[in-house]
Amino acid sequence: MKIAPMSVENMAAATQSGSGTKSKKNNDVATVAPQQSADELTQSSLHSAQVALNNDPQDDVDMDSVTQMQATLADGSFTVDNDELAASMLSFFN
């Protein structure tokens, strides 16, 4: 599954209110330490994940099985045994 890429710079600029840096004086010399906001860190992580997805080969997905399941869902022949599903869910979460 591909996710449409977003520009990290655009998101950071939109969420930044101008207080993204802190100044610290030491012996009359000002140093600026850039601080990343939570939104910037999230966008950076999402960007890294997007790059990894784009570089990942698509051989992981069995497209024959996907096509078969889509056809089964489309023609209405897919059925679920609710009792069996509930029992399976209970055993999984216990």
Protein backbone atom coordinates (compact mmCIF):
# COMPACT_ATOMS: atom_id res chain seq x y z
CA MET A 1 0.00 0.00 0.00
CA LYS A 2 1.38 3.37 -0.97
CA ILE A 3 0.84 6.50 1.08
CA ALA A 4 0.84 9.86 -0.67
CA PRO A 5 4.01 11.69 0.41
CA MET A 6 3.74 14.94 2.33
CA SER A 7 6.41 17.55 2.57
CA VAL A 8 7.92 17.61 6.05
CA GLU A 9 8.97 21.22 5.51
CA ASN A 10 5.39 22.31 4.71
CA MET A 11 3.98 20.60 7.80
CA ALA A 12 6.72 22.00 10.02
CA ALA A 13 6.16 25.53 8.71
CA ALA A 14 2.41 25.28 9.23
CA THR A 15 2.69 24.00 12.81
CA GLN A 16 5.57 26.18 13.95
CA SER A 17 4.66 29.35 15.83
CA GLY A 18 8.12 30.90 15.82
CA SER A 19 9.18 29.49 19.19
CA GLY A 20 11.02 26.50 17.80
CA THR A 21 14.41 27.70 18.96
CA LYS A 22 15.85 28.57 22.34
CA SER A 23 18.60 31.05 22.90
CA LYS A 24 21.22 30.57 25.57
CA LYS A 25 23.76 33.23 26.53
CA ASN A 26 27.17 32.17 27.68
CA ASN A 27 29.87 34.84 28.16
CA ASP A 28 28.00 37.29 25.90
CA VAL A 29 27.93 34.76 23.06
CA ALA A 30 24.47 33.69 21.93
CA THR A 31 24.00 30.11 20.77
CA VAL A 32 20.84 28.82 19.19
CA ALA A 33 19.79 25.22 19.84
CA PRO A 34 17.08 24.04 17.42
CA GLN A 35 14.27 22.12 19.11
CA GLN A 36 11.94 19.85 17.19
CA SER A 37 8.30 19.94 18.15
CA ALA A 38 6.28 16.76 18.56
CA ASP A 39 4.61 17.46 15.20
CA GLU A 40 7.99 17.78 13.50
CA LEU A 41 9.19 14.52 15.05
CA THR A 42 6.00 12.77 13.94
CA GLN A 43 6.32 14.13 10.41
CA SER A 44 9.97 13.09 10.31
CA SER A 45 9.03 9.56 11.40
CA LEU A 46 6.21 9.40 8.84
CA HIS A 47 8.59 10.59 6.13
CA SER A 48 11.08 7.85 7.06
CA ALA A 49 8.30 5.25 6.97
CA GLN A 50 7.16 6.53 3.56
CA VAL A 51 10.69 6.22 2.17
CA ALA A 52 10.92 2.66 3.53
CA LEU A 53 7.57 1.74 1.95
CA ASN A 54 8.60 3.22 -1.39
CA ASN A 55 11.84 1.20 -1.37
CA ASP A 56 10.16 -2.06 -0.27
CA PRO A 57 9.55 -4.59 -3.04
CA GLN A 58 5.90 -5.49 -3.53
CA ASP A 59 6.58 -9.25 -3.57
CA ASP A 60 5.23 -9.48 -0.01
CA VAL A 61 1.62 -9.42 -1.24
CA ASP A 62 0.09 -12.49 -2.84
CA MET A 63 -1.97 -10.69 -5.48
CA ASP A 64 -3.69 -13.94 -6.55
CA SER A 65 -5.12 -14.34 -3.03
CA VAL A 66 -6.11 -10.67 -2.93
CA THR A 67 -7.92 -10.99 -6.27
CA GLN A 68 -9.67 -14.16 -5.10
CA MET A 69 -10.81 -12.50 -1.85
CA GLN A 70 -12.04 -9.43 -3.72
CA ALA A 71 -14.11 -11.65 -6.02
CA THR A 72 -15.51 -13.59 -3.06
CA LEU A 73 -16.50 -10.36 -1.30
CA ALA A 74 -17.98 -8.89 -4.49
CA ASP A 75 -20.21 -11.88 -5.26
CA GLY A 76 -21.43 -12.15 -1.66
CA SER A 77 -20.28 -15.72 -1.06
CA PHE A 78 -18.01 -14.82 1.88
CA THR A 79 -19.57 -15.92 5.17
CA VAL A 80 -18.48 -15.59 8.78
CA ASP A 81 -19.37 -18.02 11.59
CA ASN A 82 -19.99 -15.50 14.38
CA ASP A 83 -19.72 -18.08 17.17
CA GLU A 84 -16.38 -19.34 15.87
CA LEU A 85 -15.10 -15.78 15.42
CA ALA A 86 -16.14 -14.82 18.98
CA ALA A 87 -14.47 -17.93 20.43
CA SER A 88 -11.29 -17.22 18.48
CA MET A 89 -11.23 -13.61 19.67
CA LEU A 90 -11.75 -14.66 23.29
CA SER A 91 -8.93 -17.19 23.15
CA PHE A 92 -6.62 -14.66 21.49
CA PHE A 93 -7.21 -11.94 24.10
CA ASN A 94 -7.08 -14.29 27.10
